């Protein structure tokens, strides 16, 4: 019944998934509007180019009089002025996952990519492999893949590739998003503790993954990371066939074993299922992402040659090891990484690529709901093992976190320094840029880690470096 409605208004429209779905609905002829507290490129520019009206900030008057359905993002809470107006006026509202299910997923062969890390890259890889093989899949990706025109597409294809997030659905639905996605094929990349604002420990997260595993049909397929014990555990009682994918875990059979991994500049080479593949991404974690995409595509009948061509032509995802520019031999790389493991593996991959050409400097903004808290206080220092030095920014929106739960970036810096590495805490974008300029020399790489806009630091840094030439 929801699909008969014509005007949808999104609360939190600039979130990566919200924006992608809003754009896809706009392409289908729906009227789409939205509001968000944080409006910044690339998502804001992308939505504006689609002709979607954006409101900065949340106000009751932002709700269009003719809006028939309000889509509430999972970052929206009670007390939000537009939410309160929706409830007071008894307007029809729903969550983004329910919109996905109702508008996109019924009757599809749904390929759901889940895990703490690598979801966006793996989903983008898989969607592109199917696209380049001629299957023209529908997809929903929590980012902007460079091979595809946008992060979501509605069509009548048989296959739908969707990024499955374990975060909660909405303030009125505390189940994980991915339980709404009707998976026929499920990928579980990895499972670690994250989302400290909604989960108490990793066992609670594993419970959500078990619920997801439990809805894969018997004629479906589960691909899981055999090199990680949590993944092995959650699939132990699956009704669907489960295939272990990995580099050497005890559970890996010949079918899922990744072999002969080697790196060549910005490329990774590996063998999987008796075939050799190359992907223009670096790092062991990206090899595993690619192997998952290979196995999924092969399950749906895509030939090894077609899969190989798709991988080799993959252009990456914006904000995932994305080169934003180079000035005077200094490269500025943008990465969405915010969990300690994601930061560590990204730096390890970049070190494999960069080699001894120059130094790698990491700039990090603690901005996610977990990294703003002290849950990773002791882990963060080790995340920067493969950087030559680190500049920590202040914790974003610190006032939202109870004082006893807050991350102390100065302590992270002290721990890094104690390990014999250069590290600095700078309170403000200008100070961070000044510090980075003083550290970097021609041949070096500056990697900016943030899951937000970081005050536009990438462009500002490039401008300052250019002005200093």
Protein backbone atom coordinates (compact mmCIF):
# COMPACT_ATOMS: atom_id res chain seq x y z
CA UNK A 1 0.00 0.00 0.00
CA UNK A 2 2.88 2.39 0.68
CA UNK A 3 3.93 2.27 -2.97
CA UNK A 4 0.71 4.07 -3.95
CA UNK A 5 1.80 7.20 -2.07
CA UNK A 6 3.40 9.98 -4.11
CA UNK A 7 5.16 12.41 -1.75
CA UNK A 8 7.73 11.21 0.79
CA UNK A 9 9.54 13.45 3.27
CA UNK A 10 12.80 12.14 4.80
CA UNK A 11 14.02 13.09 8.28
CA UNK A 12 17.81 12.72 8.22
CA UNK A 13 17.96 12.74 4.43
CA UNK A 14 21.72 13.32 4.15
CA UNK A 15 22.65 10.01 5.75
CA UNK A 16 24.35 7.83 3.16
CA UNK A 17 21.59 5.23 2.96
CA UNK A 18 18.75 7.74 3.38
CA UNK A 19 20.13 9.93 0.62
CA UNK A 20 20.67 7.00 -1.72
CA UNK A 21 17.11 5.75 -1.30
CA UNK A 22 15.64 9.25 -1.55
CA UNK A 23 17.44 9.76 -4.87
CA UNK A 24 16.29 6.38 -6.19
CA UNK A 25 12.67 7.18 -5.36
CA UNK A 26 13.02 10.57 -7.02
CA UNK A 27 14.25 8.84 -10.17
CA UNK A 28 11.07 6.75 -10.14
CA UNK A 29 8.93 9.87 -10.23
CA UNK A 30 8.06 10.25 -6.56
CA UNK A 31 8.12 13.71 -5.01
CA UNK A 32 10.86 13.68 -2.39
CA UNK A 33 11.81 16.31 0.18
CA UNK A 34 13.82 16.13 3.36
CA UNK A 35 15.49 17.73 6.35
CA UNK A 36 18.82 17.23 8.07
CA UNK A 37 20.95 18.88 10.72
CA UNK A 38 24.22 18.32 8.85
CA UNK A 39 24.11 19.16 5.15
CA UNK A 40 27.47 18.94 3.38
CA UNK A 41 29.00 17.50 0.17
CA UNK A 42 29.13 15.05 -1.44
CA UNK A 43 25.64 13.95 -0.37
CA UNK A 44 24.08 17.43 -0.30
CA UNK A 45 25.34 18.20 -3.81
CA UNK A 46 24.16 14.83 -5.06
CA UNK A 47 20.63 15.33 -3.71
CA UNK A 48 20.37 18.88 -5.01
CA UNK A 49 21.37 17.70 -8.47
CA UNK A 50 18.46 15.26 -8.27
CA UNK A 51 16.04 18.13 -7.66
CA UNK A 52 15.32 17.16 -4.05
CA UNK A 53 14.43 20.04 -1.74
CA UNK A 54 16.60 20.14 1.40
CA UNK A 55 15.87 21.90 4.69
CA UNK A 56 18.79 22.61 7.01
CA UNK A 57 17.73 21.94 10.56
CA UNK A 58 14.51 20.44 11.89
CA UNK A 59 11.38 22.61 12.16
CA UNK A 60 7.67 21.73 12.18
CA UNK A 61 7.12 23.99 9.17
CA UNK A 62 9.54 21.87 7.12
CA UNK A 63 6.86 19.17 6.82
CA UNK A 64 5.14 19.72 3.45
CA UNK A 65 1.38 19.94 3.68
CA UNK A 66 0.98 17.31 0.97
CA UNK A 67 3.58 14.82 2.31
CA UNK A 68 1.85 11.42 2.48
CA UNK A 69 4.61 9.42 4.18
CA UNK A 70 7.35 10.50 6.58
CA UNK A 71 10.51 8.37 6.47
CA UNK A 72 12.29 8.60 9.83
CA UNK A 73 16.03 7.95 9.85
CA UNK A 74 17.55 5.89 12.63
CA UNK A 75 19.52 8.89 13.94
CA UNK A 76 16.28 10.75 14.66
CA UNK A 77 15.07 10.70 18.27
CA UNK A 78 12.05 11.81 20.28
CA UNK A 79 12.23 15.53 20.93
CA UNK A 80 13.14 16.27 17.33
CA UNK A 81 10.75 19.09 16.32
CA UNK A 82 9.66 17.39 13.10
CA UNK A 83 9.11 14.04 14.81
CA UNK A 84 6.96 15.68 17.44
CA UNK A 85 4.93 17.39 14.73
CA UNK A 86 4.49 14.09 12.89
CA UNK A 87 3.21 12.40 16.05
CA UNK A 88 0.97 15.28 17.07
CA UNK A 89 -0.62 15.48 13.61
CA UNK A 90 -0.92 11.68 13.43
CA UNK A 91 0.86 11.56 10.07
CA UNK A 92 1.81 8.26 8.47
CA UNK A 93 5.43 7.44 9.23
CA UNK A 94 7.79 4.51 8.77
CA UNK A 95 11.48 3.58 8.84
CA UNK A 96 13.98 3.46 6.00
CA UNK A 97 14.31 -0.37 6.16
CA UNK A 98 10.54 -0.72 5.85
CA UNK A 99 10.61 1.59 2.81
CA UNK A 100 13.30 -0.60 1.29
CA UNK A 101 11.27 -3.74 1.90
CA UNK A 102 7.98 -2.33 0.62
CA UNK A 103 9.28 -0.40 -2.40
CA UNK A 104 12.26 -2.51 -3.42
CA UNK A 105 12.69 -6.00 -2.02
CA UNK A 106 9.51 -8.07 -2.21
CA UNK A 107 9.85 -10.78 -4.84
CA UNK A 108 13.58 -10.16 -5.44
CA UNK A 109 16.62 -12.38 -5.10
CA UNK A 110 18.13 -10.26 -2.34
CA UNK A 111 21.90 -10.35 -1.75
CA UNK A 112 22.54 -8.81 1.67
CA UNK A 113 26.07 -7.79 2.68
CA UNK A 114 26.61 -7.51 6.44
CA UNK A 115 29.45 -7.16 8.94
CA UNK A 116 31.15 -4.57 11.10
CA UNK A 117 33.60 -3.56 8.36
CA UNK A 118 33.73 -3.65 4.57
CA UNK A 119 29.99 -3.58 3.87
CA UNK A 120 30.04 -0.61 1.51
CA UNK A 121 33.04 -1.80 -0.51
CA UNK A 122 31.77 -5.38 -0.79
CA UNK A 123 28.26 -4.26 -1.75
CA UNK A 124 29.68 -1.90 -4.37
CA UNK A 125 31.95 -4.62 -5.77
CA UNK A 126 29.12 -7.14 -5.97
CA UNK A 127 26.66 -4.69 -7.54
CA UNK A 128 29.25 -3.69 -10.14
CA UNK A 129 30.19 -7.30 -10.98
CA UNK A 130 26.50 -8.11 -11.59
CA UNK A 131 26.02 -4.87 -13.52
CA UNK A 132 29.04 -5.39 -15.75
CA UNK A 133 27.88 -8.99 -16.38
CA UNK A 134 24.60 -7.65 -17.77
CA UNK A 135 22.24 -8.54 -14.90
CA UNK A 136 21.34 -4.87 -14.24
CA UNK A 137 20.63 -5.46 -10.54
CA UNK A 138 18.80 -3.20 -8.20
CA UNK A 139 20.99 -2.09 -5.32
CA UNK A 140 21.21 -0.02 -2.15
CA UNK A 141 24.68 1.02 -1.03
CA UNK A 142 25.55 3.16 1.99
CA UNK A 143 27.98 5.24 -0.03
CA UNK A 144 28.69 6.54 -3.52
CA UNK A 145 30.37 3.92 -5.75
CA UNK A 146 32.35 5.44 -8.60
CA UNK A 147 31.23 2.87 -11.20
CA UNK A 148 27.54 3.49 -10.59
CA UNK A 149 25.57 6.74 -10.97
CA UNK A 150 24.26 6.72 -7.41
CA UNK A 151 23.99 4.62 -4.27
CA UNK A 152 20.56 3.12 -4.96
CA UNK A 153 18.58 2.02 -7.99
CA UNK A 154 15.01 0.82 -8.35
CA UNK A 155 14.24 -1.43 -11.28
CA UNK A 156 12.51 -4.67 -12.22
CA UNK A 157 15.60 -6.89 -12.23
CA UNK A 158 15.54 -10.25 -10.51
CA UNK A 159 18.48 -9.42 -8.22
CA UNK A 160 18.87 -6.78 -5.56
CA UNK A 161 22.18 -6.09 -3.79
CA UNK A 162 21.82 -4.34 -0.44
CA UNK A 163 24.13 -3.23 2.34
CA UNK A 164 22.83 -4.71 5.59
CA UNK A 165 23.52 -2.65 8.69
CA UNK A 166 23.27 -4.08 12.23
CA UNK A 167 22.38 -0.67 13.67
CA UNK A 168 18.86 -0.26 15.01
CA UNK A 169 16.01 0.56 12.63
CA UNK A 170 14.41 3.64 14.22
CA UNK A 171 13.47 5.09 17.59
CA UNK A 172 10.22 3.12 17.34
CA UNK A 173 11.78 -0.13 16.07
CA UNK A 174 14.91 -1.33 17.89
CA UNK A 175 15.56 -4.35 15.68
CA UNK A 176 18.63 -4.28 13.44
CA UNK A 177 18.00 -2.82 10.00
CA UNK A 178 19.08 -5.93 8.16
CA UNK A 179 16.28 -8.16 9.50
CA UNK A 180 13.93 -6.28 7.14
CA UNK A 181 15.88 -7.11 4.00
CA UNK A 182 14.56 -10.58 3.05
CA UNK A 183 17.98 -12.12 2.30
CA UNK A 184 18.33 -15.03 -0.08
CA UNK A 185 22.12 -14.75 -0.13
CA UNK A 186 23.85 -13.41 2.97
CA UNK A 187 27.46 -12.27 3.34
CA UNK A 188 28.92 -11.84 6.84
CA UNK A 189 32.27 -10.07 6.50
CA UNK A 190 33.18 -9.86 10.19
CA UNK A 191 31.64 -9.21 13.61
CA UNK A 192 33.16 -6.91 16.23
CA UNK A 193 31.87 -4.73 19.02
CA UNK A 194 30.59 -1.39 17.72
CA UNK A 195 27.60 0.91 18.13
CA UNK A 196 28.20 1.37 21.84
CA UNK A 197 25.13 3.60 22.05
CA UNK A 198 22.77 0.66 21.42
CA UNK A 199 24.71 -2.54 22.21
CA UNK A 200 26.21 -3.43 25.59
CA UNK A 201 28.64 -6.05 24.29
CA UNK A 202 29.50 -8.20 21.29
CA UNK A 203 27.11 -10.95 22.44
CA UNK A 204 24.16 -8.62 21.84
CA UNK A 205 25.48 -7.91 18.36
CA UNK A 206 25.87 -11.62 17.67
CA UNK A 207 22.24 -12.17 18.69
CA UNK A 208 21.16 -9.78 15.94
CA UNK A 209 23.30 -11.63 13.42
CA UNK A 210 21.79 -14.96 14.51
CA UNK A 211 18.34 -13.52 13.83
CA UNK A 212 19.53 -12.49 10.37
CA UNK A 213 21.00 -15.95 9.69
CA UNK A 214 17.72 -17.50 10.78
CA UNK A 215 15.68 -15.84 8.01
CA UNK A 216 17.83 -17.00 5.08
CA UNK A 217 15.72 -19.61 3.23
CA UNK A 218 16.84 -23.20 2.87
CA UNK A 219 17.57 -22.74 -0.84
CA UNK A 220 19.68 -19.67 -0.15
CA UNK A 221 23.37 -19.31 0.72
CA UNK A 222 25.41 -17.82 3.58
CA UNK A 223 29.03 -16.73 2.96
CA UNK A 224 30.89 -16.05 6.18
CA UNK A 225 34.39 -15.04 7.25
CA UNK A 226 35.99 -18.25 8.47
CA UNK A 227 39.01 -16.38 9.85
CA UNK A 228 36.91 -14.83 12.61
CA UNK A 229 35.44 -16.86 15.49
CA UNK A 230 32.32 -14.70 15.96
CA UNK A 231 31.27 -15.32 12.35
CA UNK A 232 31.81 -19.05 12.67
CA UNK A 233 29.71 -19.05 15.83
CA UNK A 234 26.65 -17.20 14.51
CA UNK A 235 26.19 -19.50 11.50
CA UNK A 236 26.57 -22.73 13.47
CA UNK A 237 22.84 -23.52 13.42
CA UNK A 238 21.94 -22.06 10.02
CA UNK A 239 19.19 -23.72 7.98
CA UNK A 240 20.70 -22.46 4.71
CA UNK A 241 23.98 -23.78 3.29
CA UNK A 242 26.88 -21.88 4.85
CA UNK A 243 30.23 -21.57 3.04
CA UNK A 244 33.34 -20.56 4.97
CA UNK A 245 35.46 -17.97 3.12
CA UNK A 246 38.93 -17.16 4.34
CA UNK A 247 42.69 -17.37 4.11
CA UNK A 248 43.32 -20.27 6.44
CA UNK A 249 40.81 -20.71 9.22
CA UNK A 250 40.13 -24.27 10.31
CA UNK A 251 36.62 -24.08 8.89
CA UNK A 252 37.77 -23.14 5.37
CA UNK A 253 37.28 -25.82 2.72
CA UNK A 254 38.66 -25.76 -0.79
CA UNK A 255 35.46 -24.08 -2.00
CA UNK A 256 36.01 -20.99 0.10
CA UNK A 257 39.79 -20.81 0.48
CA UNK A 258 41.59 -17.65 -0.64
CA UNK A 259 45.09 -18.49 -1.90
CA UNK A 260 48.22 -16.99 -3.47
CA UNK A 261 47.57 -13.44 -2.31
CA UNK A 262 50.05 -10.88 -3.55
CA UNK A 263 50.10 -7.10 -3.91
CA UNK A 264 51.33 -5.00 -6.81
CA UNK A 265 51.10 -1.25 -6.25
CA UNK A 266 47.42 -0.36 -6.08
CA UNK A 267 46.28 -3.88 -7.03
CA UNK A 268 45.73 -7.11 -5.16
CA UNK A 269 45.91 -10.55 -6.80
CA UNK A 270 44.49 -13.81 -5.42
CA UNK A 271 43.15 -17.23 -6.35
CA UNK A 272 39.68 -18.36 -5.33
CA UNK A 273 37.63 -21.35 -6.42
CA UNK A 274 40.38 -22.44 -8.80
CA UNK A 275 40.44 -19.09 -10.63
CA UNK A 276 42.81 -16.13 -10.48
CA UNK A 277 41.44 -12.63 -9.87
CA UNK A 278 42.78 -9.08 -9.63
CA UNK A 279 41.09 -6.17 -7.87
CA UNK A 280 42.34 -2.55 -7.93
CA UNK A 281 42.20 -2.29 -4.14
CA UNK A 282 44.89 -2.90 -1.54
CA UNK A 283 45.02 -4.89 1.66
CA UNK A 284 44.03 -8.31 2.97
CA UNK A 285 40.61 -7.05 4.04
CA UNK A 286 39.86 -5.93 0.47
CA UNK A 287 40.95 -9.31 -0.89
CA UNK A 288 38.40 -10.94 1.40
CA UNK A 289 35.76 -8.40 0.30
CA UNK A 290 36.47 -9.28 -3.31
CA UNK A 291 36.35 -13.04 -2.64
CA UNK A 292 32.92 -12.65 -1.05
CA UNK A 293 31.71 -10.80 -4.15
CA UNK A 294 33.16 -13.52 -6.39
CA UNK A 295 31.41 -16.31 -4.47
CA UNK A 296 28.07 -14.47 -4.46
CA UNK A 297 28.18 -13.70 -8.19
CA UNK A 298 29.13 -17.29 -9.03
CA UNK A 299 26.14 -18.55 -6.99
CA UNK A 300 23.89 -16.64 -9.38
CA UNK A 301 25.55 -18.07 -12.47
CA UNK A 302 27.97 -15.31 -13.44
CA UNK A 303 30.95 -16.80 -15.25
CA UNK A 304 34.47 -16.54 -13.85
CA UNK A 305 35.52 -14.45 -16.86
CA UNK A 306 32.66 -12.00 -16.31
CA UNK A 307 33.45 -11.77 -12.59
CA UNK A 308 37.12 -11.18 -13.41
CA UNK A 309 36.26 -8.36 -15.80
CA UNK A 310 33.99 -6.74 -13.21
CA UNK A 311 36.62 -6.82 -10.48
CA UNK A 312 39.36 -5.47 -12.71
CA UNK A 313 37.21 -2.52 -13.84
CA UNK A 314 36.06 -1.57 -10.34
CA UNK A 315 36.78 2.10 -9.61
CA UNK A 316 36.20 2.16 -5.87
CA UNK A 317 33.89 4.04 -3.53
CA UNK A 318 34.01 7.67 -2.54
CA UNK A 319 35.50 8.17 0.93
CA UNK A 320 37.12 4.72 0.97
CA UNK A 321 40.86 5.24 0.47
CA UNK A 322 39.89 8.00 -1.96
CA UNK A 323 42.66 10.22 -3.28
CA UNK A 324 41.30 13.76 -2.96
CA UNK A 325 44.30 15.49 -4.48
CA UNK A 326 48.06 15.88 -4.56
CA UNK A 327 50.06 19.07 -4.02
CA UNK A 328 53.84 19.27 -4.16
CA UNK A 329 54.07 15.49 -4.03
CA UNK A 330 51.89 15.24 -0.89
CA UNK A 331 48.80 13.05 -1.34
CA UNK A 332 45.59 13.72 0.58
CA UNK A 333 43.52 10.55 1.08
CA UNK A 334 39.97 10.52 2.48
CA UNK A 335 38.66 7.48 4.36
CA UNK A 336 35.41 6.81 6.22
CA UNK A 337 37.16 4.59 8.78
CA UNK A 338 36.26 5.23 12.41
CA UNK A 339 36.39 1.84 14.17
CA UNK A 340 39.92 0.93 15.37
CA UNK A 341 40.03 -2.20 13.20
CA UNK A 342 38.94 -0.30 10.09
CA UNK A 343 41.57 2.37 10.71
CA UNK A 344 44.28 -0.23 11.31
CA UNK A 345 43.47 -2.28 8.21
CA UNK A 346 43.16 0.78 5.98
CA UNK A 347 46.57 2.05 7.10
CA UNK A 348 48.06 -1.42 6.68
CA UNK A 349 46.76 -1.59 3.11
CA UNK A 350 47.98 1.91 2.30
CA UNK A 351 51.38 1.04 3.75
CA UNK A 352 51.55 -2.00 1.44
CA UNK A 353 50.77 0.30 -1.48
CA UNK A 354 52.90 3.26 -0.41
CA UNK A 355 55.88 1.18 0.68
CA UNK A 356 58.93 3.25 1.57
CA UNK A 357 58.10 6.10 -0.81
CA UNK A 358 57.38 8.46 2.05
CA UNK A 359 55.69 8.79 5.40
CA UNK A 360 52.02 8.32 6.21
CA UNK A 361 50.36 10.85 8.52
CA UNK A 362 46.91 10.10 9.96
CA UNK A 363 44.39 12.79 10.94
CA UNK A 364 41.50 11.38 12.99
CA UNK A 365 38.20 12.90 14.08
CA UNK A 366 36.40 10.86 16.80
CA UNK A 367 32.86 11.29 15.55
CA UNK A 368 30.97 7.98 15.54
CA UNK A 369 28.72 7.01 18.44
CA UNK A 370 31.35 4.51 19.57
CA UNK A 371 34.59 6.46 19.06
CA UNK A 372 33.20 9.46 20.94
CA UNK A 373 32.92 7.14 23.92
CA UNK A 374 35.68 5.56 26.01
CA UNK A 375 34.89 2.03 24.80
CA UNK A 376 37.85 2.19 22.40
CA UNK A 377 40.07 4.30 24.66
CA UNK A 378 42.71 1.56 24.92
CA UNK A 379 42.37 0.23 21.36
CA UNK A 380 42.69 3.43 19.38
CA UNK A 381 46.41 3.92 19.94
CA UNK A 382 47.19 0.57 18.32
CA UNK A 383 44.95 1.39 15.35
CA UNK A 384 47.64 3.76 14.05
CA UNK A 385 50.43 1.17 14.05
CA UNK A 386 51.14 1.64 10.34
CA UNK A 387 51.16 5.46 10.40
CA UNK A 388 54.32 7.49 10.99
CA UNK A 389 52.42 10.03 13.05
CA UNK A 390 48.93 10.95 14.19
CA UNK A 391 46.97 14.15 14.74
CA UNK A 392 43.85 13.71 16.87
CA UNK A 393 40.97 16.18 16.63
CA UNK A 394 38.56 17.04 19.41
CA UNK A 395 35.62 14.71 19.97
CA UNK A 396 32.65 15.77 17.84
CA UNK A 397 29.50 16.86 19.69
CA UNK A 398 31.10 16.00 23.02
CA UNK A 399 28.23 17.57 24.94
CA UNK A 400 25.95 14.71 23.83
CA UNK A 401 28.05 12.12 25.71
CA UNK A 402 27.82 11.74 29.51
CA UNK A 403 31.09 12.92 31.04
CA UNK A 404 31.94 9.53 32.54
CA UNK A 405 31.58 7.84 29.12
CA UNK A 406 33.65 10.23 27.00
CA UNK A 407 36.74 9.39 24.99
CA UNK A 408 39.85 11.32 26.05
CA UNK A 409 41.86 11.98 22.86
CA UNK A 410 44.75 13.43 24.86
CA UNK A 411 45.21 10.01 26.51
CA UNK A 412 45.20 8.32 23.10
CA UNK A 413 47.91 10.74 21.98
CA UNK A 414 49.95 10.04 25.11
CA UNK A 415 49.71 6.27 24.50
CA UNK A 416 50.87 6.69 20.90
CA UNK A 417 53.77 8.88 22.04
CA UNK A 418 54.72 6.30 24.67
CA UNK A 419 55.08 3.75 21.88
CA UNK A 420 57.68 6.01 20.24
CA UNK A 421 55.52 7.56 17.52
CA UNK A 422 54.79 11.23 16.82
CA UNK A 423 51.29 12.18 17.97
CA UNK A 424 49.50 15.46 18.63
CA UNK A 425 46.12 16.66 19.87
CA UNK A 426 44.85 19.82 18.16
CA UNK A 427 41.61 21.59 19.08
CA UNK A 428 40.39 23.03 15.80
CA UNK A 429 40.65 22.53 12.03
CA UNK A 430 43.15 25.34 11.42
CA UNK A 431 45.49 23.98 14.07
CA UNK A 432 45.26 20.48 12.60
CA UNK A 433 46.08 21.82 9.13
CA UNK A 434 49.04 23.79 10.48
CA UNK A 435 50.34 20.68 12.22
CA UNK A 436 49.88 18.51 9.12
CA UNK A 437 51.69 21.07 6.95
CA UNK A 438 54.61 21.12 9.37
CA UNK A 439 54.90 17.31 9.28
CA UNK A 440 54.38 16.41 5.63
CA UNK A 441 57.05 16.52 2.94
CA UNK A 442 57.03 15.65 -0.78
CA UNK A 443 56.39 11.93 -1.19
CA UNK A 444 54.27 11.72 1.96
CA UNK A 445 50.60 10.78 2.32
CA UNK A 446 48.09 12.42 4.68
CA UNK A 447 45.11 10.15 5.45
CA UNK A 448 42.02 11.82 6.89
CA UNK A 449 39.75 9.51 8.93
CA UNK A 450 36.22 10.64 9.73
CA UNK A 451 32.67 9.39 9.20
CA UNK A 452 31.53 13.01 8.83
CA UNK A 453 32.50 16.19 7.03
CA UNK A 454 35.40 17.06 9.39
CA UNK A 455 34.79 20.77 8.71
CA UNK A 456 35.81 20.37 5.06
CA UNK A 457 39.40 19.70 6.11
CA UNK A 458 40.33 17.85 2.89
CA UNK A 459 39.74 20.84 0.62
CA UNK A 460 41.14 23.32 3.11
CA UNK A 461 44.31 21.29 3.49
CA UNK A 462 44.80 21.09 -0.27
CA UNK A 463 44.27 24.87 -0.55
CA UNK A 464 46.79 25.62 2.20
CA UNK A 465 49.36 23.29 0.70
CA UNK A 466 48.86 24.93 -2.69
CA UNK A 467 49.24 28.42 -1.19
CA UNK A 468 52.49 27.39 0.51
CA UNK A 469 54.16 26.30 -2.75
